[in-house]
Amino acid sequence: AKAKEDYEDAVKEFEANGGGAANGGGKKRGKAVKKPAKKSKKA
């Protein structure tokens, strides 16, 4: 719990100093969009 608090403080300081803005604002990647299945040649 202490390590987590220290980490959260460090992240806030990192973001306050401009960190995270250069790499997209810390967005998480979403799920990949599933492409529709290709039709077989017969179909």
All heavy atoms as atom14 arrays in JSON, in Angstrom:
{
  "sequence": "AKAKEDYEDAVKEFEANGGGAANGGGKKRGKAVKKPAKKSKKA",
  "atom14_mask": [
    [1, 1, 1, 1, 1, 0, 0, 0, 0, 0, 0, 0, 0, 0],
    [1, 1, 1, 1, 1, 1, 1, 1, 1, 0, 0, 0, 0, 0],
    [1, 1, 1, 1, 1, 0, 0, 0, 0, 0, 0, 0, 0, 0],
    [1, 1, 1, 1, 1, 1, 1, 1, 1, 0, 0, 0, 0, 0],
    [1, 1, 1, 1, 1, 1, 1, 1, 1, 0, 0, 0, 0, 0],
    [1, 1, 1, 1, 1, 1, 1, 1, 0, 0, 0, 0, 0, 0],
    [1, 1, 1, 1, 1, 1, 1, 1, 1, 1, 1, 1, 0, 0],
    [1, 1, 1, 1, 1, 1, 1, 1, 1, 0, 0, 0, 0, 0],
    [1, 1, 1, 1, 1, 1, 1, 1, 0, 0, 0, 0, 0, 0],
    [1, 1, 1, 1, 1, 0, 0, 0, 0, 0, 0, 0, 0, 0],
    [1, 1, 1, 1, 1, 1, 1, 0, 0, 0, 0, 0, 0, 0],
    [1, 1, 1, 1, 1, 1, 1, 1, 1, 0, 0, 0, 0, 0],
    [1, 1, 1, 1, 1, 1, 1, 1, 1, 0, 0, 0, 0, 0],
    [1, 1, 1, 1, 1, 1, 1, 1, 1, 1, 1, 0, 0, 0],
    [1, 1, 1, 1, 1, 1, 1, 1, 1, 0, 0, 0, 0, 0],
    [1, 1, 1, 1, 1, 0, 0, 0, 0, 0, 0, 0, 0, 0],
    [1, 1, 1, 1, 1, 1, 1, 1, 0, 0, 0, 0, 0, 0],
    [1, 1, 1, 1, 0, 0, 0, 0, 0, 0, 0, 0, 0, 0],
    [1, 1, 1, 1, 0, 0, 0, 0, 0, 0, 0, 0, 0, 0],
    [1, 1, 1, 1, 0, 0, 0, 0, 0, 0, 0, 0, 0, 0],
    [1, 1, 1, 1, 1, 0, 0, 0, 0, 0, 0, 0, 0, 0],
    [1, 1, 1, 1, 1, 0, 0, 0, 0, 0, 0, 0, 0, 0],
    [1, 1, 1, 1, 1, 1, 1, 1, 0, 0, 0, 0, 0, 0],
    [1, 1, 1, 1, 0, 0, 0, 0, 0, 0, 0, 0, 0, 0],
    [1, 1, 1, 1, 0, 0, 0, 0, 0, 0, 0, 0, 0, 0],
    [1, 1, 1, 1, 0, 0, 0, 0, 0, 0, 0, 0, 0, 0],
    [1, 1, 1, 1, 1, 1, 1, 1, 1, 0, 0, 0, 0, 0],
    [1, 1, 1, 1, 1, 1, 1, 1, 1, 0, 0, 0, 0, 0],
    [1, 1, 1, 1, 1, 1, 1, 1, 1, 1, 1, 0, 0, 0],
    [1, 1, 1, 1, 0, 0, 0, 0, 0, 0, 0, 0, 0, 0],
    [1, 1, 1, 1, 1, 1, 1, 1, 1, 0, 0, 0, 0, 0],
    [1, 1, 1, 1, 1, 0, 0, 0, 0, 0, 0, 0, 0, 0],
    [1, 1, 1, 1, 1, 1, 1, 0, 0, 0, 0, 0, 0, 0],
    [1, 1, 1, 1, 1, 1, 1, 1, 1, 0, 0, 0, 0, 0],
    [1, 1, 1, 1, 1, 1, 1, 1, 1, 0, 0, 0, 0, 0],
    [1, 1, 1, 1, 1, 1, 1, 0, 0, 0, 0, 0, 0, 0],
    [1, 1, 1, 1, 1, 0, 0, 0, 0, 0, 0, 0, 0, 0],
    [1, 1, 1, 1, 1, 1, 1, 1, 1, 0, 0, 0, 0, 0],
    [1, 1, 1, 1, 1, 1, 1, 1, 1, 0, 0, 0, 0, 0],
    [1, 1, 1, 1, 1, 1, 0, 0, 0, 0, 0, 0, 0, 0],
    [1, 1, 1, 1, 1, 1, 1, 1, 1, 0, 0, 0, 0, 0],
    [1, 1, 1, 1, 1, 1, 1, 1, 1, 0, 0, 0, 0, 0],
    [1, 1, 1, 1, 1, 0, 0, 0, 0, 0, 0, 0, 0, 0]
  ],
  "atom14_positions": [
    [[0.84, -1.21, 0.0], [0.0, 0.0, 0.0], [0.87, 1.25, 0.0], [0.59, 2.22, -0.72], [-0.92, -0.01, 1.21], [0.0, 0.0, 0.0], [0.0, 0.0, 0.0], [0.0, 0.0, 0.0], [0.0, 0.0, 0.0], [0.0, 0.0, 0.0], [0.0, 0.0, 0.0], [0.0, 0.0, 0.0], [0.0, 0.0, 0.0], [0.0, 0.0, 0.0]],
    [[1.95, 1.23, 0.77], [2.88, 2.37, 0.82], [3.54, 2.54, -0.55], [3.65, 3.67, -1.05], [3.95, 2.11, 1.89], [5.1, 3.09, 1.9], [4.75, 4.33, 2.7], [5.97, 5.21, 2.93], [6.24, 6.14, 1.84], [0.0, 0.0, 0.0], [0.0, 0.0, 0.0], [0.0, 0.0, 0.0], [0.0, 0.0, 0.0], [0.0, 0.0, 0.0]],
    [[3.95, 1.43, -1.16], [4.57, 1.51, -2.49], [3.59, 2.05, -3.52], [3.97, 2.83, -4.39], [5.07, 0.12, -2.91], [0.0, 0.0, 0.0], [0.0, 0.0, 0.0], [0.0, 0.0, 0.0], [0.0, 0.0, 0.0], [0.0, 0.0, 0.0], [0.0, 0.0, 0.0], [0.0, 0.0, 0.0], [0.0, 0.0, 0.0], [0.0, 0.0, 0.0]],
    [[2.31, 1.68, -3.39], [1.29, 2.17, -4.33], [1.08, 3.67, -4.16], [0.96, 4.41, -5.14], [-0.03, 1.43, -4.13], [-1.07, 1.79, -5.15], [-2.32, 0.96, -5.01], [-3.33, 1.34, -6.07], [-4.55, 0.55, -5.98], [0.0, 0.0, 0.0], [0.0, 0.0, 0.0], [0.0, 0.0, 0.0], [0.0, 0.0, 0.0], [0.0, 0.0, 0.0]],
    [[1.05, 4.14, -2.92], [0.91, 5.58, -2.66], [2.1, 6.34, -3.25], [1.91, 7.39, -3.88], [0.8, 5.85, -1.16], [-0.5, 5.42, -0.54], [-0.5, 5.56, 0.97], [0.41, 6.21, 1.53], [-1.42, 5.01, 1.61], [0.0, 0.0, 0.0], [0.0, 0.0, 0.0], [0.0, 0.0, 0.0], [0.0, 0.0, 0.0], [0.0, 0.0, 0.0]],
    [[3.3, 5.83, -3.02], [4.5, 6.48, -3.56], [4.44, 6.52, -5.09], [4.8, 7.52, -5.71], [5.76, 5.75, -3.11], [5.99, 5.87, -1.61], [5.37, 6.75, -0.96], [6.8, 5.08, -1.07], [0.0, 0.0, 0.0], [0.0, 0.0, 0.0], [0.0, 0.0, 0.0], [0.0, 0.0, 0.0], [0.0, 0.0, 0.0], [0.0, 0.0, 0.0]],
    [[3.97, 5.42, -5.68], [3.85, 5.34, -7.13], [2.85, 6.38, -7.65], [3.13, 7.08, -8.62], [3.42, 3.93, -7.54], [2.95, 3.83, -8.97], [3.86, 3.83, -10.02], [1.6, 3.7, -9.27], [3.42, 3.73, -11.34], [1.16, 3.59, -10.58], [2.08, 3.61, -11.6], [1.65, 3.51, -12.9], [0.0, 0.0, 0.0], [0.0, 0.0, 0.0]],
    [[1.69, 6.47, -7.0], [0.68, 7.43, -7.44], [1.18, 8.86, -7.34], [0.92, 9.68, -8.22], [-0.6, 7.23, -6.64], [-1.32, 5.93, -7.01], [-2.49, 5.6, -6.11], [-2.67, 6.26, -5.06], [-3.24, 4.66, -6.45], [0.0, 0.0, 0.0], [0.0, 0.0, 0.0], [0.0, 0.0, 0.0], [0.0, 0.0, 0.0], [0.0, 0.0, 0.0]],
    [[1.94, 9.16, -6.27], [2.53, 10.49, -6.14], [3.54, 10.74, -7.25], [3.59, 11.84, -7.83], [3.22, 10.64, -4.77], [2.22, 10.67, -3.62], [1.01, 10.92, -3.86], [2.64, 10.43, -2.47], [0.0, 0.0, 0.0], [0.0, 0.0, 0.0], [0.0, 0.0, 0.0], [0.0, 0.0, 0.0], [0.0, 0.0, 0.0], [0.0, 0.0, 0.0]],
    [[4.35, 9.74, -7.56], [5.35, 9.88, -8.6], [4.7, 10.07, -9.97], [5.18, 10.86, -10.79], [6.27, 8.66, -8.62], [0.0, 0.0, 0.0], [0.0, 0.0, 0.0], [0.0, 0.0, 0.0], [0.0, 0.0, 0.0], [0.0, 0.0, 0.0], [0.0, 0.0, 0.0], [0.0, 0.0, 0.0], [0.0, 0.0, 0.0], [0.0, 0.0, 0.0]],
    [[3.59, 9.39, -10.21], [2.88, 9.54, -11.49], [2.29, 10.95, -11.6], [2.38, 11.58, -12.66], [1.77, 8.47, -11.65], [0.85, 8.8, -12.8], [2.39, 7.1, -11.83], [0.0, 0.0, 0.0], [0.0, 0.0, 0.0], [0.0, 0.0, 0.0], [0.0, 0.0, 0.0], [0.0, 0.0, 0.0], [0.0, 0.0, 0.0], [0.0, 0.0, 0.0]],
    [[1.71, 11.44, -10.51], [1.15, 12.81, -10.53], [2.25, 13.82, -10.83], [2.06, 14.74, -11.61], [0.47, 13.12, -9.21], [-0.86, 12.42, -9.04], [-1.48, 12.72, -7.69], [-2.76, 11.92, -7.49], [-3.31, 12.08, -6.15], [0.0, 0.0, 0.0], [0.0, 0.0, 0.0], [0.0, 0.0, 0.0], [0.0, 0.0, 0.0], [0.0, 0.0, 0.0]],
    [[3.4, 13.65, -10.19], [4.53, 14.56, -10.42], [5.01, 14.44, -11.86], [5.31, 15.44, -12.52], [5.67, 14.21, -9.46], [6.86, 15.14, -9.59], [7.95, 14.81, -8.6], [7.66, 14.3, -7.5], [9.12, 15.04, -8.95], [0.0, 0.0, 0.0], [0.0, 0.0, 0.0], [0.0, 0.0, 0.0], [0.0, 0.0, 0.0], [0.0, 0.0, 0.0]],
    [[5.07, 13.22, -12.36], [5.5, 12.97, -13.74], [4.57, 13.67, -14.72], [5.02, 14.33, -15.66], [5.51, 11.46, -13.99], [5.77, 11.07, -15.42], [7.04, 11.16, -15.96], [4.75, 10.57, -16.22], [7.29, 10.78, -17.27], [4.98, 10.18, -17.52], [6.26, 10.29, -18.05], [0.0, 0.0, 0.0], [0.0, 0.0, 0.0], [0.0, 0.0, 0.0]],
    [[3.25, 13.54, -14.51], [2.28, 14.16, -15.41], [2.27, 15.68, -15.26], [2.07, 16.39, -16.24], [0.9, 13.58, -15.16], [0.79, 12.13, -15.62], [-0.53, 11.47, -15.25], [-1.31, 12.07, -14.48], [-0.76, 10.35, -15.74], [0.0, 0.0, 0.0], [0.0, 0.0, 0.0], [0.0, 0.0, 0.0], [0.0, 0.0, 0.0], [0.0, 0.0, 0.0]],
    [[2.52, 16.17, -14.05], [2.56, 17.62, -13.83], [3.76, 18.25, -14.54], [3.7, 19.41, -14.95], [2.62, 17.93, -12.34], [0.0, 0.0, 0.0], [0.0, 0.0, 0.0], [0.0, 0.0, 0.0], [0.0, 0.0, 0.0], [0.0, 0.0, 0.0], [0.0, 0.0, 0.0], [0.0, 0.0, 0.0], [0.0, 0.0, 0.0], [0.0, 0.0, 0.0]],
    [[4.81, 17.5, -14.69], [6.01, 18.0, -15.37], [5.98, 17.77, -16.87], [7.01, 17.85, -17.53], [7.26, 17.35, -14.76], [7.51, 17.81, -13.34], [7.12, 18.9, -12.96], [8.14, 16.96, -12.55], [0.0, 0.0, 0.0], [0.0, 0.0, 0.0], [0.0, 0.0, 0.0], [0.0, 0.0, 0.0], [0.0, 0.0, 0.0], [0.0, 0.0, 0.0]],
    [[4.81, 17.47, -17.41], [4.67, 17.31, -18.85], [4.82, 15.89, -19.33], [4.78, 15.64, -20.52], [0.0, 0.0, 0.0], [0.0, 0.0, 0.0], [0.0, 0.0, 0.0], [0.0, 0.0, 0.0], [0.0, 0.0, 0.0], [0.0, 0.0, 0.0], [0.0, 0.0, 0.0], [0.0, 0.0, 0.0], [0.0, 0.0, 0.0], [0.0, 0.0, 0.0]],
    [[4.99, 14.95, -18.44], [5.12, 13.56, -18.85], [3.78, 13.02, -19.29], [2.73, 13.41, -18.79], [0.0, 0.0, 0.0], [0.0, 0.0, 0.0], [0.0, 0.0, 0.0], [0.0, 0.0, 0.0], [0.0, 0.0, 0.0], [0.0, 0.0, 0.0], [0.0, 0.0, 0.0], [0.0, 0.0, 0.0], [0.0, 0.0, 0.0], [0.0, 0.0, 0.0]],
    [[3.8, 12.12, -20.22], [2.56, 11.51, -20.68], [1.9, 12.26, -21.81], [1.18, 11.66, -22.59], [0.0, 0.0, 0.0], [0.0, 0.0, 0.0], [0.0, 0.0, 0.0], [0.0, 0.0, 0.0], [0.0, 0.0, 0.0], [0.0, 0.0, 0.0], [0.0, 0.0, 0.0], [0.0, 0.0, 0.0], [0.0, 0.0, 0.0], [0.0, 0.0, 0.0]],
    [[2.12, 13.56, -21.95], [1.49, 14.34, -23.01], [2.11, 14.02, -24.36], [1.43, 14.0, -25.37], [1.6, 15.83, -22.73], [0.0, 0.0, 0.0], [0.0, 0.0, 0.0], [0.0, 0.0, 0.0], [0.0, 0.0, 0.0], [0.0, 0.0, 0.0], [0.0, 0.0, 0.0], [0.0, 0.0, 0.0], [0.0, 0.0, 0.0], [0.0, 0.0, 0.0]],
    [[3.4, 13.73, -24.36], [4.11, 13.46, -25.62], [3.73, 12.12, -26.22], [3.83, 11.92, -27.42], [5.61, 13.51, -25.38], [0.0, 0.0, 0.0], [0.0, 0.0, 0.0], [0.0, 0.0, 0.0], [0.0, 0.0, 0.0], [0.0, 0.0, 0.0], [0.0, 0.0, 0.0], [0.0, 0.0, 0.0], [0.0, 0.0, 0.0], [0.0, 0.0, 0.0]],
    [[3.27, 11.18, -25.4], [2.96, 9.85, -25.93], [1.46, 9.59, -25.98], [1.02, 8.49, -25.76], [3.68, 8.77, -25.13], [3.26, 8.74, -23.68], [2.41, 9.49, -23.27], [3.87, 7.86, -22.91], [0.0, 0.0, 0.0], [0.0, 0.0, 0.0], [0.0, 0.0, 0.0], [0.0, 0.0, 0.0], [0.0, 0.0, 0.0], [0.0, 0.0, 0.0]],
    [[0.68, 10.58, -26.24], [-0.75, 10.39, -26.44], [-1.57, 10.57, -25.18], [-2.71, 10.12, -25.13], [0.0, 0.0, 0.0], [0.0, 0.0, 0.0], [0.0, 0.0, 0.0], [0.0, 0.0, 0.0], [0.0, 0.0, 0.0], [0.0, 0.0, 0.0], [0.0, 0.0, 0.0], [0.0, 0.0, 0.0], [0.0, 0.0, 0.0], [0.0, 0.0, 0.0]],
    [[-1.03, 11.16, -24.16], [-1.8, 11.42, -22.96], [-2.08, 10.2, -22.12], [-2.99, 10.21, -21.31], [0.0, 0.0, 0.0], [0.0, 0.0, 0.0], [0.0, 0.0, 0.0], [0.0, 0.0, 0.0], [0.0, 0.0, 0.0], [0.0, 0.0, 0.0], [0.0, 0.0, 0.0], [0.0, 0.0, 0.0], [0.0, 0.0, 0.0], [0.0, 0.0, 0.0]],
    [[-1.34, 9.15, -22.33], [-1.52, 7.96, -21.51], [-2.76, 7.16, -21.83], [-3.31, 6.51, -20.98], [0.0, 0.0, 0.0], [0.0, 0.0, 0.0], [0.0, 0.0, 0.0], [0.0, 0.0, 0.0], [0.0, 0.0, 0.0], [0.0, 0.0, 0.0], [0.0, 0.0, 0.0], [0.0, 0.0, 0.0], [0.0, 0.0, 0.0], [0.0, 0.0, 0.0]],
    [[-3.23, 7.25, -23.07], [-4.42, 6.49, -23.45], [-4.11, 5.01, -23.4], [-3.02, 4.58, -23.75], [-4.85, 6.83, -24.88], [-5.53, 8.15, -25.03], [-6.01, 8.27, -26.46], [-6.75, 9.57, -26.67], [-7.17, 9.7, -28.07], [0.0, 0.0, 0.0], [0.0, 0.0, 0.0], [0.0, 0.0, 0.0], [0.0, 0.0, 0.0], [0.0, 0.0, 0.0]],
    [[-5.1, 4.24, -23.0], [-4.95, 2.8, -23.05], [-5.43, 2.33, -24.41], [-6.34, 2.91, -24.99], [-5.78, 2.12, -21.94], [-5.22, 2.36, -20.57], [-5.97, 1.53, -19.57], [-5.35, 1.71, -18.21], [-5.99, 0.85, -17.22], [0.0, 0.0, 0.0], [0.0, 0.0, 0.0], [0.0, 0.0, 0.0], [0.0, 0.0, 0.0], [0.0, 0.0, 0.0]],
    [[-4.81, 1.27, -24.87], [-5.23, 0.73, -26.15], [-6.56, 0.03, -25.99], [-6.8, -0.7, -25.05], [-4.2, -0.27, -26.65], [-2.92, 0.39, -27.06], [-1.86, -0.59, -27.47], [-2.39, -1.71, -28.21], [-1.66, -2.7, -28.63], [-0.4, -2.75, -28.37], [-2.2, -3.71, -29.3], [0.0, 0.0, 0.0], [0.0, 0.0, 0.0], [0.0, 0.0, 0.0]],
    [[-7.43, 0.27, -26.95], [-8.72, -0.39, -26.94], [-8.62, -1.75, -27.6], [-7.57, -2.14, -28.11], [0.0, 0.0, 0.0], [0.0, 0.0, 0.0], [0.0, 0.0, 0.0], [0.0, 0.0, 0.0], [0.0, 0.0, 0.0], [0.0, 0.0, 0.0], [0.0, 0.0, 0.0], [0.0, 0.0, 0.0], [0.0, 0.0, 0.0], [0.0, 0.0, 0.0]],
    [[-9.71, -2.46, -27.59], [-9.72, -3.77, -28.24], [-9.67, -3.58, -29.75], [-10.24, -2.64, -30.3], [-10.98, -4.55, -27.88], [-10.99, -5.01, -26.44], [-12.19, -5.89, -26.19], [-12.17, -6.4, -24.77], [-13.31, -7.26, -24.5], [0.0, 0.0, 0.0], [0.0, 0.0, 0.0], [0.0, 0.0, 0.0], [0.0, 0.0, 0.0], [0.0, 0.0, 0.0]],
    [[-9.01, -4.47, -30.41], [-8.92, -4.43, -31.86], [-10.29, -4.74, -32.45], [-11.03, -5.57, -31.93], [-7.9, -5.43, -32.36], [0.0, 0.0, 0.0], [0.0, 0.0, 0.0], [0.0, 0.0, 0.0], [0.0, 0.0, 0.0], [0.0, 0.0, 0.0], [0.0, 0.0, 0.0], [0.0, 0.0, 0.0], [0.0, 0.0, 0.0], [0.0, 0.0, 0.0]],
    [[-10.61, -4.06, -33.52], [-11.88, -4.28, -34.18], [-11.75, -5.55, -35.0], [-10.81, -5.72, -35.78], [-12.24, -3.09, -35.1], [-13.52, -3.35, -35.86], [-12.34, -1.83, -34.29], [0.0, 0.0, 0.0], [0.0, 0.0, 0.0], [0.0, 0.0, 0.0], [0.0, 0.0, 0.0], [0.0, 0.0, 0.0], [0.0, 0.0, 0.0], [0.0, 0.0, 0.0]],
    [[-12.7, -6.44, -34.83], [-12.67, -7.71, -35.54], [-13.15, -7.48, -36.97], [-14.22, -6.9, -37.2], [-13.54, -8.73, -34.83], [-13.38, -10.12, -35.37], [-14.1, -11.11, -34.5], [-13.87, -12.52, -35.0], [-14.53, -13.5, -34.17], [0.0, 0.0, 0.0], [0.0, 0.0, 0.0], [0.0, 0.0, 0.0], [0.0, 0.0, 0.0], [0.0, 0.0, 0.0]],
    [[-12.35, -7.95, -37.92], [-12.72, -7.8, -39.32], [-13.71, -8.88, -39.7], [-13.67, -9.98, -39.16], [-11.47, -7.93, -40.21], [-10.48, -6.82, -40.0], [-9.29, -6.99, -40.9], [-8.28, -5.89, -40.66], [-7.09, -6.06, -41.5], [0.0, 0.0, 0.0], [0.0, 0.0, 0.0], [0.0, 0.0, 0.0], [0.0, 0.0, 0.0], [0.0, 0.0, 0.0]],
    [[-14.62, -8.56, -40.63], [-15.57, -9.59, -41.06], [-14.83, -10.72, -41.76], [-13.82, -10.51, -42.42], [-16.5, -8.86, -42.02], [-15.76, -7.64, -42.43], [-14.82, -7.3, -41.31], [0.0, 0.0, 0.0], [0.0, 0.0, 0.0], [0.0, 0.0, 0.0], [0.0, 0.0, 0.0], [0.0, 0.0, 0.0], [0.0, 0.0, 0.0], [0.0, 0.0, 0.0]],
    [[-15.35, -11.92, -41.61], [-14.72, -13.09, -42.22], [-14.81, -12.99, -43.74], [-15.8, -12.51, -44.3], [-15.39, -14.35, -41.73], [0.0, 0.0, 0.0], [0.0, 0.0, 0.0], [0.0, 0.0, 0.0], [0.0, 0.0, 0.0], [0.0, 0.0, 0.0], [0.0, 0.0, 0.0], [0.0, 0.0, 0.0], [0.0, 0.0, 0.0], [0.0, 0.0, 0.0]],
    [[-13.75, -13.48, -44.38], [-13.75, -13.47, -45.85], [-14.63, -14.61, -46.35], [-14.72, -15.66, -45.73], [-12.33, -13.68, -46.38], [-11.41, -12.52, -46.1], [-10.05, -12.78, -46.71], [-9.14, -11.61, -46.48], [-7.81, -11.84, -47.06], [0.0, 0.0, 0.0], [0.0, 0.0, 0.0], [0.0, 0.0, 0.0], [0.0, 0.0, 0.0], [0.0, 0.0, 0.0]],
    [[-15.25, -14.38, -47.49], [-16.07, -15.42, -48.09], [-15.16, -16.43, -48.77], [-14.12, -16.07, -49.32], [-17.01, -14.83, -49.14], [-18.11, -14.0, -48.59], [-19.02, -13.56, -49.7], [-20.17, -12.73, -49.19], [-21.05, -12.3, -50.29], [0.0, 0.0, 0.0], [0.0, 0.0, 0.0], [0.0, 0.0, 0.0], [0.0, 0.0, 0.0], [0.0, 0.0, 0.0]],
    [[-15.57, -17.66, -48.72], [-14.81, -18.67, -49.45], [-15.06, -18.48, -50.94], [-16.03, -17.84, -51.36], [-15.22, -20.06, -49.0], [-16.54, -20.32, -49.42], [0.0, 0.0, 0.0], [0.0, 0.0, 0.0], [0.0, 0.0, 0.0], [0.0, 0.0, 0.0], [0.0, 0.0, 0.0], [0.0, 0.0, 0.0], [0.0, 0.0, 0.0], [0.0, 0.0, 0.0]],
    [[-14.21, -19.07, -51.76], [-14.37, -18.93, -53.21], [-15.7, -19.52, -53.68], [-16.36, -18.99, -54.54], [-13.22, -19.61, -53.94], [-11.92, -18.86, -53.79], [-10.82, -19.52, -54.59], [-9.54, -18.73, -54.45], [-8.44, -19.32, -55.22], [0.0, 0.0, 0.0], [0.0, 0.0, 0.0], [0.0, 0.0, 0.0], [0.0, 0.0, 0.0], [0.0, 0.0, 0.0]],
    [[-16.09, -20.62, -53.04], [-17.34, -21.27, -53.41], [-18.52, -20.35, -53.11], [-19.41, -20.16, -53.94], [-17.48, -22.59, -52.67], [-18.73, -23.35, -53.05], [-18.8, -24.67, -52.33], [-20.06, -25.41, -52.72], [-20.2, -26.67, -52.0], [0.0, 0.0, 0.0], [0.0, 0.0, 0.0], [0.0, 0.0, 0.0], [0.0, 0.0, 0.0], [0.0, 0.0, 0.0]],
    [[-18.53, -19.75, -51.93], [-19.63, -18.86, -51.55], [-19.64, -17.62, -52.44], [-20.7, -17.14, -52.83], [-19.51, -18.47, -50.08], [0.0, 0.0, 0.0], [0.0, 0.0, 0.0], [0.0, 0.0, 0.0], [0.0, 0.0, 0.0], [0.0, 0.0, 0.0], [0.0, 0.0, 0.0], [0.0, 0.0, 0.0], [0.0, 0.0, 0.0], [0.0, 0.0, 0.0]]
  ]
}
